[in-house]
Amino acid sequence: MLSRVANNLCWMGRYLERAENTARLINVNSNLLLDLPRSISLGWEPIVDILSYRELFYSTHKEAVERNVINFMVADQKNHGSIISSLSAARENARTVREIIPRESWERINELYSYAKENCQKAQARRSRYGFLSEIIQSNQTITGILAGTMTHDEGYEFLRIGRNLERADMTTRIIDVRSASLLQDTETSQSAFENIQWMSVLKSLTAYQMYRREVRLRIRRPDVLKFLLLEDRFPRSLLHALRQVEHCLKTLPNHEEIIMQIRVVETQLLDANPQSLIQEKLHEFIDDMQLGLNTIFDKINQTYFFHT
């Protein structure tokens, strides 16, 4: 397989997953807005920080109010992490590998991009926001299902899965970091009375609430949620599961030894850290370490398969 094709498939998987998880991230905040009393003020600026776009955001906006942040995260094409930008990039990568992927998946990616572009204004109104974001999420899951069910599971499919799982791992840590970034005002009331609501929102943003309750029958607690979302190998959106999926994909490809060694370094850090017991400041540092590790893994994949000389 040509390195160009492998690169495009990997990035197609990443961009589709990025659009889906950006929609999930916005839902974390939006769901909290619906659940919390009006006396509790909920900030939107941490979402910009979570995705590391503070400088870009404030270059065009004066305030991180809800309308500005939603537009920046959904429709701003200058923001390469926005839903529209991610779907546009996924569509372009899919276009260049149309002969590799099933025709149905190409058509659905096209349809999803068109839907998002034509309806992105719905994200501004709280009444229509949930429907718009749900369509982004569900359409992405449909595309994933089409690819899994109709694409030959060869090297190209493995590169697509590598991209998807690396992006998923990165975004899962960022969504968890919503809580660490203190979406609510740092007051005694908000930290005690509404902590359960916050963590429930994090679980629901990853479609993890029902699976969490099957596994943990006690009330929702920070340590249990962290353990489930970071260390539960059987849950598809946990960090550990995503890392092991990337390793599994790489084992089918040549020259994988050095990359797998790096994955195991990150995995060992994850297992040894006991993240569910970390205090807030240490959790931030741990998530930073995980994201740096994920970047190193992707750099090695780039050097080995896409840009090697």
C-alpha atoms as a PDB file:
ATOM      1  CA  MET A   1       0.000   0.000   0.000  1.00  0.00           C
ATOM      2  CA  LEU A   2       1.240   3.490  -0.875  1.00  0.00           C
ATOM      3  CA  SER A   3       2.254   5.559   2.145  1.00  0.00           C
ATOM      4  CA  ARG A   4       0.047   8.401   0.838  1.00  0.00           C
ATOM      5  CA  VAL A   5      -3.014   6.147   0.860  1.00  0.00           C
ATOM      6  CA  ALA A   6      -2.214   4.818   4.335  1.00  0.00           C
ATOM      7  CA  ASN A   7      -1.773   8.382   5.614  1.00  0.00           C
ATOM      8  CA  ASN A   8      -5.084   9.513   4.125  1.00  0.00           C
ATOM      9  CA  LEU A   9      -6.950   6.560   5.627  1.00  0.00           C
ATOM     10  CA  CYS A  10      -5.416   7.176   9.039  1.00  0.00           C
ATOM     11  CA  TRP A  11      -6.351  10.859   8.957  1.00  0.00           C
ATOM     12  CA  MET A  12      -9.829  10.124   7.658  1.00  0.00           C
ATOM     13  CA  GLY A  13     -10.347   7.996  10.762  1.00  0.00           C
ATOM     14  CA  ARG A  14      -8.918  10.707  12.989  1.00  0.00           C
ATOM     15  CA  TYR A  15     -11.002  13.536  11.549  1.00  0.00           C
ATOM     16  CA  LEU A  16     -14.270  11.598  11.693  1.00  0.00           C
ATOM     17  CA  GLU A  17     -13.593  10.679  15.318  1.00  0.00           C
ATOM     18  CA  ARG A  18     -12.608  14.288  16.081  1.00  0.00           C
ATOM     19  CA  ALA A  19     -15.906  15.633  14.750  1.00  0.00           C
ATOM     20  CA  GLU A  20     -17.861  13.091  16.768  1.00  0.00           C
ATOM     21  CA  ASN A  21     -15.978  13.747  19.973  1.00  0.00           C
ATOM     22  CA  THR A  22     -16.116  17.526  19.591  1.00  0.00           C
ATOM     23  CA  ALA A  23     -19.886  17.092  19.469  1.00  0.00           C
ATOM     24  CA  ARG A  24     -19.677  14.976  22.615  1.00  0.00           C
ATOM     25  CA  LEU A  25     -17.525  17.572  24.359  1.00  0.00           C
ATOM     26  CA  ILE A  26     -20.023  20.354  23.646  1.00  0.00           C
ATOM     27  CA  ASN A  27     -22.759  18.090  25.001  1.00  0.00           C
ATOM     28  CA  VAL A  28     -20.920  17.821  28.335  1.00  0.00           C
ATOM     29  CA  ASN A  29     -21.419  21.520  28.921  1.00  0.00           C
ATOM     30  CA  SER A  30     -24.860  21.704  27.335  1.00  0.00           C
ATOM     31  CA  ASN A  31     -26.207  18.846  29.443  1.00  0.00           C
ATOM     32  CA  LEU A  32     -24.922  20.500  32.587  1.00  0.00           C
ATOM     33  CA  LEU A  33     -26.686  23.711  31.585  1.00  0.00           C
ATOM     34  CA  LEU A  34     -29.985  21.824  31.489  1.00  0.00           C
ATOM     35  CA  ASP A  35     -29.412  19.993  34.775  1.00  0.00           C
ATOM     36  CA  LEU A  36     -28.093  22.779  36.966  1.00  0.00           C
ATOM     37  CA  PRO A  37     -30.148  25.491  38.711  1.00  0.00           C
ATOM     38  CA  ARG A  38     -29.980  28.978  37.214  1.00  0.00           C
ATOM     39  CA  SER A  39     -28.122  30.249  40.271  1.00  0.00           C
ATOM     40  CA  ILE A  40     -25.063  28.238  39.175  1.00  0.00           C
ATOM     41  CA  SER A  41     -23.017  29.961  36.482  1.00  0.00           C
ATOM     42  CA  LEU A  42     -21.411  27.617  33.962  1.00  0.00           C
ATOM     43  CA  GLY A  43     -18.375  28.747  32.003  1.00  0.00           C
ATOM     44  CA  TRP A  44     -17.539  27.894  28.392  1.00  0.00           C
ATOM     45  CA  GLU A  45     -13.913  29.040  28.346  1.00  0.00           C
ATOM     46  CA  PRO A  46     -12.513  25.736  29.729  1.00  0.00           C
ATOM     47  CA  ILE A  47     -13.696  23.945  26.575  1.00  0.00           C
ATOM     48  CA  VAL A  48     -11.461  26.208  24.487  1.00  0.00           C
ATOM     49  CA  ASP A  49      -8.581  25.463  26.852  1.00  0.00           C
ATOM     50  CA  ILE A  50      -9.178  21.707  26.796  1.00  0.00           C
ATOM     51  CA  LEU A  51      -8.615  21.643  23.046  1.00  0.00           C
ATOM     52  CA  SER A  52      -5.625  24.002  23.302  1.00  0.00           C
ATOM     53  CA  TYR A  53      -7.170  26.741  21.158  1.00  0.00           C
ATOM     54  CA  ARG A  54      -7.087  29.684  23.600  1.00  0.00           C
ATOM     55  CA  GLU A  55      -4.746  31.853  21.528  1.00  0.00           C
ATOM     56  CA  LEU A  56      -6.639  31.222  18.289  1.00  0.00           C
ATOM     57  CA  PHE A  57     -10.002  31.816  19.949  1.00  0.00           C
ATOM     58  CA  TYR A  58      -9.039  35.147  21.487  1.00  0.00           C
ATOM     59  CA  SER A  59      -7.513  36.336  18.239  1.00  0.00           C
ATOM     60  CA  THR A  60     -11.062  36.677  16.872  1.00  0.00           C
ATOM     61  CA  HIS A  61     -13.291  36.842  19.981  1.00  0.00           C
ATOM     62  CA  LYS A  62     -13.282  39.166  22.976  1.00  0.00           C
ATOM     63  CA  GLU A  63     -15.311  36.970  25.326  1.00  0.00           C
ATOM     64  CA  ALA A  64     -15.702  33.230  25.849  1.00  0.00           C
ATOM     65  CA  VAL A  65     -19.477  33.475  26.059  1.00  0.00           C
ATOM     66  CA  GLU A  66     -21.663  30.575  24.965  1.00  0.00           C
ATOM     67  CA  ARG A  67     -22.490  31.899  21.473  1.00  0.00           C
ATOM     68  CA  ASN A  68     -18.855  32.615  20.601  1.00  0.00           C
ATOM     69  CA  VAL A  69     -17.533  29.293  21.867  1.00  0.00           C
ATOM     70  CA  ILE A  70     -20.249  27.262  20.123  1.00  0.00           C
ATOM     71  CA  ASN A  71     -19.611  29.017  16.812  1.00  0.00           C
ATOM     72  CA  PHE A  72     -15.849  28.517  17.232  1.00  0.00           C
ATOM     73  CA  MET A  73     -16.218  24.805  18.051  1.00  0.00           C
ATOM     74  CA  VAL A  74     -18.858  23.987  15.451  1.00  0.00           C
ATOM     75  CA  ALA A  75     -18.598  26.219  12.402  1.00  0.00           C
ATOM     76  CA  ASP A  76     -15.380  28.268  12.451  1.00  0.00           C
ATOM     77  CA  GLN A  77     -13.280  27.044   9.522  1.00  0.00           C
ATOM     78  CA  LYS A  78     -10.221  28.886  10.886  1.00  0.00           C
ATOM     79  CA  ASN A  79     -10.369  26.456  13.791  1.00  0.00           C
ATOM     80  CA  HIS A  80      -9.025  23.176  12.392  1.00  0.00           C
ATOM     81  CA  GLY A  81     -10.638  21.322  15.288  1.00  0.00           C
ATOM     82  CA  SER A  82     -14.184  22.565  14.659  1.00  0.00           C
ATOM     83  CA  ILE A  83     -16.829  20.088  13.550  1.00  0.00           C
ATOM     84  CA  ILE A  84     -17.112  21.639  10.073  1.00  0.00           C
ATOM     85  CA  SER A  85     -13.325  21.730   9.593  1.00  0.00           C
ATOM     86  CA  SER A  86     -12.937  18.139  10.787  1.00  0.00           C
ATOM     87  CA  LEU A  87     -15.683  16.845   8.491  1.00  0.00           C
ATOM     88  CA  SER A  88     -14.287  18.835   5.572  1.00  0.00           C
ATOM     89  CA  ALA A  89     -10.849  17.287   6.129  1.00  0.00           C
ATOM     90  CA  ALA A  90     -12.360  13.802   6.543  1.00  0.00           C
ATOM     91  CA  ARG A  91     -14.264  14.262   3.279  1.00  0.00           C
ATOM     92  CA  GLU A  92     -11.119  15.384   1.433  1.00  0.00           C
ATOM     93  CA  ASN A  93      -9.126  12.419   2.717  1.00  0.00           C
ATOM     94  CA  ALA A  94     -11.966  10.076   1.792  1.00  0.00           C
ATOM     95  CA  ARG A  95     -12.149  11.581  -1.702  1.00  0.00           C
ATOM     96  CA  THR A  96      -8.494  10.755  -2.361  1.00  0.00           C
ATOM     97  CA  VAL A  97      -9.013   7.083  -1.366  1.00  0.00           C
ATOM     98  CA  ARG A  98     -12.419   6.516  -2.946  1.00  0.00           C
ATOM     99  CA  GLU A  99     -11.127   3.429  -4.729  1.00  0.00           C
ATOM    100  CA  ILE A 100     -10.085   1.908  -1.377  1.00  0.00           C
ATOM    101  CA  ILE A 101     -13.172   2.495   0.799  1.00  0.00           C
ATOM    102  CA  PRO A 102     -16.734   1.236   0.166  1.00  0.00           C
ATOM    103  CA  ARG A 103     -18.838   3.570  -1.970  1.00  0.00           C
ATOM    104  CA  GLU A 104     -21.530   3.704   0.725  1.00  0.00           C
ATOM    105  CA  SER A 105     -19.085   5.105   3.268  1.00  0.00           C
ATOM    106  CA  TRP A 106     -17.931   7.818   0.841  1.00  0.00           C
ATOM    107  CA  GLU A 107     -21.556   8.784   0.212  1.00  0.00           C
ATOM    108  CA  ARG A 108     -22.367   8.949   3.930  1.00  0.00           C
ATOM    109  CA  ILE A 109     -19.301  11.100   4.659  1.00  0.00           C
ATOM    110  CA  ASN A 110     -20.416  13.444   1.883  1.00  0.00           C
ATOM    111  CA  GLU A 111     -23.953  13.555   3.271  1.00  0.00           C
ATOM    112  CA  LEU A 112     -22.737  14.206   6.815  1.00  0.00           C
ATOM    113  CA  TYR A 113     -20.517  17.086   5.704  1.00  0.00           C
ATOM    114  CA  SER A 114     -23.394  18.630   3.743  1.00  0.00           C
ATOM    115  CA  TYR A 115     -25.771  18.228   6.690  1.00  0.00           C
ATOM    116  CA  ALA A 116     -23.332  19.845   9.122  1.00  0.00           C
ATOM    117  CA  LYS A 117     -22.591  22.751   6.814  1.00  0.00           C
ATOM    118  CA  GLU A 118     -26.272  23.446   6.098  1.00  0.00           C
ATOM    119  CA  ASN A 119     -27.477  23.052   9.694  1.00  0.00           C
ATOM    120  CA  CYS A 120     -24.593  24.282  11.857  1.00  0.00           C
ATOM    121  CA  GLN A 121     -26.635  27.300  12.961  1.00  0.00           C
ATOM    122  CA  LYS A 122     -28.855  24.864  14.904  1.00  0.00           C
ATOM    123  CA  ALA A 123     -26.024  24.420  17.389  1.00  0.00           C
ATOM    124  CA  GLN A 124     -26.543  27.984  18.636  1.00  0.00           C
ATOM    125  CA  ALA A 125     -30.044  27.422  20.038  1.00  0.00           C
ATOM    126  CA  ARG A 126     -30.200  25.147  23.073  1.00  0.00           C
ATOM    127  CA  ARG A 127     -33.505  23.747  21.855  1.00  0.00           C
ATOM    128  CA  SER A 128     -32.069  22.452  18.565  1.00  0.00           C
ATOM    129  CA  ARG A 129     -28.457  21.908  19.650  1.00  0.00           C
ATOM    130  CA  TYR A 130     -28.972  18.403  21.011  1.00  0.00           C
ATOM    131  CA  GLY A 131     -30.592  17.200  17.787  1.00  0.00           C
ATOM    132  CA  PHE A 132     -27.801  18.634  15.642  1.00  0.00           C
ATOM    133  CA  LEU A 133     -25.008  17.189  17.777  1.00  0.00           C
ATOM    134  CA  SER A 134     -26.768  13.823  18.023  1.00  0.00           C
ATOM    135  CA  GLU A 135     -26.974  13.655  14.232  1.00  0.00           C
ATOM    136  CA  ILE A 136     -23.212  14.270  14.000  1.00  0.00           C
ATOM    137  CA  ILE A 137     -22.520  11.518  16.530  1.00  0.00           C
ATOM    138  CA  GLN A 138     -24.962   8.962  15.122  1.00  0.00           C
ATOM    139  CA  SER A 139     -23.929   9.545  11.515  1.00  0.00           C
ATOM    140  CA  ASN A 140     -20.301   8.996  12.468  1.00  0.00           C
ATOM    141  CA  GLN A 141     -21.237   5.751  14.171  1.00  0.00           C
ATOM    142  CA  THR A 142     -23.117   4.687  11.046  1.00  0.00           C
ATOM    143  CA  ILE A 143     -20.031   5.367   8.911  1.00  0.00           C
ATOM    144  CA  THR A 144     -17.914   3.352  11.360  1.00  0.00           C
ATOM    145  CA  GLY A 145     -20.387   0.469  11.055  1.00  0.00           C
ATOM    146  CA  ILE A 146     -20.398   0.606   7.244  1.00  0.00           C
ATOM    147  CA  LEU A 147     -16.601   0.528   7.151  1.00  0.00           C
ATOM    148  CA  ALA A 148     -16.431  -2.355   9.635  1.00  0.00           C
ATOM    149  CA  GLY A 149     -19.073  -4.362   7.810  1.00  0.00           C
ATOM    150  CA  THR A 150     -18.189  -3.776   4.152  1.00  0.00           C
ATOM    151  CA  MET A 151     -14.503  -2.818   3.885  1.00  0.00           C
ATOM    152  CA  THR A 152     -11.890  -5.523   3.449  1.00  0.00           C
ATOM    153  CA  HIS A 153      -9.971  -5.794   6.717  1.00  0.00           C
ATOM    154  CA  ASP A 154      -6.585  -5.343   5.131  1.00  0.00           C
ATOM    155  CA  GLU A 155      -3.724  -2.918   5.837  1.00  0.00           C
ATOM    156  CA  GLY A 156      -5.823   0.058   4.779  1.00  0.00           C
ATOM    157  CA  TYR A 157      -8.537  -0.795   7.286  1.00  0.00           C
ATOM    158  CA  GLU A 158      -5.932  -1.180  10.029  1.00  0.00           C
ATOM    159  CA  PHE A 159      -4.538   2.311   9.342  1.00  0.00           C
ATOM    160  CA  LEU A 160      -8.067   3.700   9.521  1.00  0.00           C
ATOM    161  CA  ARG A 161      -8.589   1.997  12.885  1.00  0.00           C
ATOM    162  CA  ILE A 162      -5.229   3.255  14.160  1.00  0.00           C
ATOM    163  CA  GLY A 163      -6.268   6.829  13.380  1.00  0.00           C
ATOM    164  CA  ARG A 164      -9.677   6.402  14.970  1.00  0.00           C
ATOM    165  CA  ASN A 165      -8.350   4.877  18.187  1.00  0.00           C
ATOM    166  CA  LEU A 166      -5.514   7.376  18.640  1.00  0.00           C
ATOM    167  CA  GLU A 167      -7.968  10.238  18.234  1.00  0.00           C
ATOM    168  CA  ARG A 168     -10.416   8.530  20.561  1.00  0.00           C
ATOM    169  CA  ALA A 169      -7.734   8.065  23.211  1.00  0.00           C
ATOM    170  CA  ASP A 170      -6.701  11.702  22.979  1.00  0.00           C
ATOM    171  CA  MET A 171     -10.240  13.042  23.077  1.00  0.00           C
ATOM    172  CA  THR A 172     -11.329  10.733  25.885  1.00  0.00           C
ATOM    173  CA  THR A 173      -8.603  12.196  28.078  1.00  0.00           C
ATOM    174  CA  ARG A 174      -9.660  15.712  27.057  1.00  0.00           C
ATOM    175  CA  ILE A 175     -13.324  15.038  27.854  1.00  0.00           C
ATOM    176  CA  ILE A 176     -12.336  13.687  31.265  1.00  0.00           C
ATOM    177  CA  ASP A 177     -10.356  16.884  31.692  1.00  0.00           C
ATOM    178  CA  VAL A 178     -13.601  18.866  31.422  1.00  0.00           C
ATOM    179  CA  ARG A 179     -14.150  18.002  35.050  1.00  0.00           C
ATOM    180  CA  SER A 180     -10.569  18.775  35.998  1.00  0.00           C
ATOM    181  CA  ALA A 181     -10.854  22.175  34.290  1.00  0.00           C
ATOM    182  CA  SER A 182     -13.648  23.046  36.766  1.00  0.00           C
ATOM    183  CA  LEU A 183     -16.603  23.756  34.531  1.00  0.00           C
ATOM    184  CA  LEU A 184     -18.483  24.946  37.580  1.00  0.00           C
ATOM    185  CA  GLN A 185     -17.464  27.860  39.697  1.00  0.00           C
ATOM    186  CA  ASP A 186     -15.022  26.716  42.328  1.00  0.00           C
ATOM    187  CA  THR A 187     -17.339  27.076  45.276  1.00  0.00           C
ATOM    188  CA  GLU A 188     -18.109  24.759  48.137  1.00  0.00           C
ATOM    189  CA  THR A 189     -21.724  24.374  47.027  1.00  0.00           C
ATOM    190  CA  SER A 190     -20.991  23.499  43.424  1.00  0.00           C
ATOM    191  CA  GLN A 191     -18.251  21.054  44.380  1.00  0.00           C
ATOM    192  CA  SER A 192     -20.416  19.100  46.815  1.00  0.00           C
ATOM    193  CA  ALA A 193     -24.037  19.272  45.679  1.00  0.00           C
ATOM    194  CA  PHE A 194     -23.458  19.012  41.942  1.00  0.00           C
ATOM    195  CA  GLU A 195     -20.376  16.792  41.644  1.00  0.00           C
ATOM    196  CA  ASN A 196     -22.585  13.778  40.878  1.00  0.00           C
ATOM    197  CA  ILE A 197     -24.268  15.679  38.006  1.00  0.00           C
ATOM    198  CA  GLN A 198     -20.913  16.685  36.548  1.00  0.00           C
ATOM    199  CA  TRP A 199     -19.525  13.157  36.470  1.00  0.00           C
ATOM    200  CA  MET A 200     -22.775  11.773  35.099  1.00  0.00           C
ATOM    201  CA  SER A 201     -22.457  14.255  32.233  1.00  0.00           C
ATOM    202  CA  VAL A 202     -18.905  13.100  31.514  1.00  0.00           C
ATOM    203  CA  LEU A 203     -20.112   9.487  31.343  1.00  0.00           C
ATOM    204  CA  LYS A 204     -23.021  10.372  29.077  1.00  0.00           C
ATOM    205  CA  SER A 205     -20.774  12.396  26.773  1.00  0.00           C
ATOM    206  CA  LEU A 206     -18.884   9.156  26.061  1.00  0.00           C
ATOM    207  CA  THR A 207     -22.071   7.054  25.930  1.00  0.00           C
ATOM    208  CA  ALA A 208     -20.644   5.306  28.963  1.00  0.00           C
ATOM    209  CA  TYR A 209     -23.349   5.863  31.562  1.00  0.00           C
ATOM    210  CA  GLN A 210     -25.271   2.603  31.103  1.00  0.00           C
ATOM    211  CA  MET A 211     -22.115   0.482  30.820  1.00  0.00           C
ATOM    212  CA  TYR A 212     -20.680   2.179  33.905  1.00  0.00           C
ATOM    213  CA  ARG A 213     -23.824   1.396  35.900  1.00  0.00           C
ATOM    214  CA  ARG A 214     -23.614  -2.250  34.822  1.00  0.00           C
ATOM    215  CA  GLU A 215     -20.034  -2.393  36.094  1.00  0.00           C
ATOM    216  CA  VAL A 216     -20.333  -0.105  39.138  1.00  0.00           C
ATOM    217  CA  ARG A 217     -23.689  -0.418  40.882  1.00  0.00           C
ATOM    218  CA  LEU A 218     -22.895   2.122  43.588  1.00  0.00           C
ATOM    219  CA  ARG A 219     -23.505   5.848  43.198  1.00  0.00           C
ATOM    220  CA  ILE A 220     -21.435   7.800  40.692  1.00  0.00           C
ATOM    221  CA  ARG A 221     -18.126   8.779  42.264  1.00  0.00           C
ATOM    222  CA  ARG A 222     -15.063  10.463  40.807  1.00  0.00           C
ATOM    223  CA  PRO A 223     -12.612   7.567  41.471  1.00  0.00           C
ATOM    224  CA  ASP A 224     -14.944   4.972  39.944  1.00  0.00           C
ATOM    225  CA  VAL A 225     -15.622   7.084  36.837  1.00  0.00           C
ATOM    226  CA  LEU A 226     -11.904   7.722  36.299  1.00  0.00           C
ATOM    227  CA  LYS A 227     -11.082   4.051  36.719  1.00  0.00           C
ATOM    228  CA  PHE A 228     -13.801   3.017  34.258  1.00  0.00           C
ATOM    229  CA  LEU A 229     -12.978   5.573  31.548  1.00  0.00           C
ATOM    230  CA  LEU A 230      -9.214   5.180  31.798  1.00  0.00           C
ATOM    231  CA  LEU A 231      -8.639   1.554  32.773  1.00  0.00           C
ATOM    232  CA  GLU A 232     -11.662  -0.560  31.767  1.00  0.00           C
ATOM    233  CA  ASP A 233     -10.196  -2.588  28.906  1.00  0.00           C
ATOM    234  CA  ARG A 234     -13.611  -3.931  27.859  1.00  0.00           C
ATOM    235  CA  PHE A 235     -15.143  -0.490  27.284  1.00  0.00           C
ATOM    236  CA  PRO A 236     -14.443   0.752  23.702  1.00  0.00           C
ATOM    237  CA  ARG A 237     -13.837   4.385  24.653  1.00  0.00           C
ATOM    238  CA  SER A 238     -11.527   3.842  27.592  1.00  0.00           C
ATOM    239  CA  LEU A 239      -7.935   4.965  27.229  1.00  0.00           C
ATOM    240  CA  LEU A 240      -6.522   1.494  27.894  1.00  0.00           C
ATOM    241  CA  HIS A 241      -8.803  -0.134  25.326  1.00  0.00           C
ATOM    242  CA  ALA A 242      -7.861   2.407  22.647  1.00  0.00           C
ATOM    243  CA  LEU A 243      -4.129   1.902  23.270  1.00  0.00           C
ATOM    244  CA  ARG A 244      -4.481  -1.865  23.014  1.00  0.00           C
ATOM    245  CA  GLN A 245      -6.507  -1.566  19.825  1.00  0.00           C
ATOM    246  CA  VAL A 246      -3.725   0.495  18.221  1.00  0.00           C
ATOM    247  CA  GLU A 247      -1.211  -2.149  19.279  1.00  0.00           C
ATOM    248  CA  HIS A 248      -3.416  -4.914  17.856  1.00  0.00           C
ATOM    249  CA  CYS A 249      -3.663  -3.091  14.507  1.00  0.00           C
ATOM    250  CA  LEU A 250       0.082  -2.486  14.356  1.00  0.00           C
ATOM    251  CA  LYS A 251       0.869  -6.171  14.846  1.00  0.00           C
ATOM    252  CA  THR A 252      -0.626  -6.844  11.401  1.00  0.00           C
ATOM    253  CA  LEU A 253       1.746  -4.305   9.802  1.00  0.00           C
ATOM    254  CA  PRO A 254       5.497  -4.550   9.111  1.00  0.00           C
ATOM    255  CA  ASN A 255       8.164  -2.643  11.086  1.00  0.00           C
ATOM    256  CA  HIS A 256       5.953  -2.229  14.127  1.00  0.00           C
ATOM    257  CA  GLU A 257       8.387  -3.160  16.898  1.00  0.00           C
ATOM    258  CA  GLU A 258       9.563   0.324  17.930  1.00  0.00           C
ATOM    259  CA  ILE A 259       6.037   1.769  17.916  1.00  0.00           C
ATOM    260  CA  ILE A 260       4.665  -1.055  20.046  1.00  0.00           C
ATOM    261  CA  MET A 261       7.485  -0.518  22.528  1.00  0.00           C
ATOM    262  CA  GLN A 262       6.357   3.128  22.848  1.00  0.00           C
ATOM    263  CA  ILE A 263       2.722   2.064  23.305  1.00  0.00           C
ATOM    264  CA  ARG A 264       3.766  -0.227  26.129  1.00  0.00           C
ATOM    265  CA  VAL A 265       5.679   2.610  27.794  1.00  0.00           C
ATOM    266  CA  VAL A 266       2.486   4.709  27.821  1.00  0.00           C
ATOM    267  CA  GLU A 267       0.405   1.729  28.925  1.00  0.00           C
ATOM    268  CA  THR A 268       2.759   1.055  31.828  1.00  0.00           C
ATOM    269  CA  GLN A 269       2.528   4.717  32.886  1.00  0.00           C
ATOM    270  CA  LEU A 270      -1.256   4.425  32.784  1.00  0.00           C
ATOM    271  CA  LEU A 271      -1.438   1.227  34.819  1.00  0.00           C
ATOM    272  CA  ASP A 272       1.160   2.350  37.381  1.00  0.00           C
ATOM    273  CA  ALA A 273      -0.348   5.801  37.957  1.00  0.00           C
ATOM    274  CA  ASN A 274      -3.502   4.549  39.703  1.00  0.00           C
ATOM    275  CA  PRO A 275      -5.301   7.600  38.178  1.00  0.00           C
ATOM    276  CA  GLN A 276      -8.524   7.162  40.150  1.00  0.00           C
ATOM    277  CA  SER A 277      -6.650   8.122  43.325  1.00  0.00           C
ATOM    278  CA  LEU A 278      -4.945  11.247  41.956  1.00  0.00           C
ATOM    279  CA  ILE A 279      -5.841  14.650  43.324  1.00  0.00           C
ATOM    280  CA  GLN A 280      -7.002  17.247  40.834  1.00  0.00           C
ATOM    281  CA  GLU A 281      -3.612  18.844  40.178  1.00  0.00           C
ATOM    282  CA  LYS A 282      -1.915  15.468  39.724  1.00  0.00           C
ATOM    283  CA  LEU A 283      -4.705  14.314  37.427  1.00  0.00           C
ATOM    284  CA  HIS A 284      -4.020  17.294  35.144  1.00  0.00           C
ATOM    285  CA  GLU A 285      -0.348  16.364  35.043  1.00  0.00           C
ATOM    286  CA  PHE A 286      -1.173  12.721  34.375  1.00  0.00           C
ATOM    287  CA  ILE A 287      -3.490  13.602  31.472  1.00  0.00           C
ATOM    288  CA  ASP A 288      -0.779  15.860  30.026  1.00  0.00           C
ATOM    289  CA  ASP A 289       1.669  12.948  30.210  1.00  0.00           C
ATOM    290  CA  MET A 290      -0.803  10.641  28.482  1.00  0.00           C
ATOM    291  CA  GLN A 291      -1.387  13.127  25.661  1.00  0.00           C
ATOM    292  CA  LEU A 292       2.353  13.615  25.188  1.00  0.00           C
ATOM    293  CA  GLY A 293       2.716   9.843  25.031  1.00  0.00           C
ATOM    294  CA  LEU A 294      -0.022   9.588  22.422  1.00  0.00           C
ATOM    295  CA  ASN A 295       1.693  12.289  20.352  1.00  0.00           C
ATOM    296  CA  THR A 296       4.964  10.351  20.511  1.00  0.00           C
ATOM    297  CA  ILE A 297       3.206   7.186  19.323  1.00  0.00           C
ATOM    298  CA  PHE A 298       1.696   9.032  16.370  1.00  0.00           C
ATOM    299  CA  ASP A 299       5.032  10.654  15.520  1.00  0.00           C
ATOM    300  CA  LYS A 300       6.617   7.207  15.335  1.00  0.00           C
ATOM    301  CA  ILE A 301       3.780   5.968  13.120  1.00  0.00           C
ATOM    302  CA  ASN A 302       4.349   8.958  10.830  1.00  0.00           C
ATOM    303  CA  GLN A 303       8.085   8.291  10.621  1.00  0.00           C
ATOM    304  CA  THR A 304       7.656   4.557  10.045  1.00  0.00           C
ATOM    305  CA  TYR A 305       4.817   4.434   7.535  1.00  0.00           C
ATOM    306  CA  PHE A 306       4.027   7.852   6.065  1.00  0.00           C
ATOM    307  CA  PHE A 307       7.175   9.940   5.807  1.00  0.00           C
ATOM    308  CA  HIS A 308      10.001   7.417   5.973  1.00  0.00           C
ATOM    309  CA  THR A 309      12.951   7.840   3.606  1.00  0.00           C
END
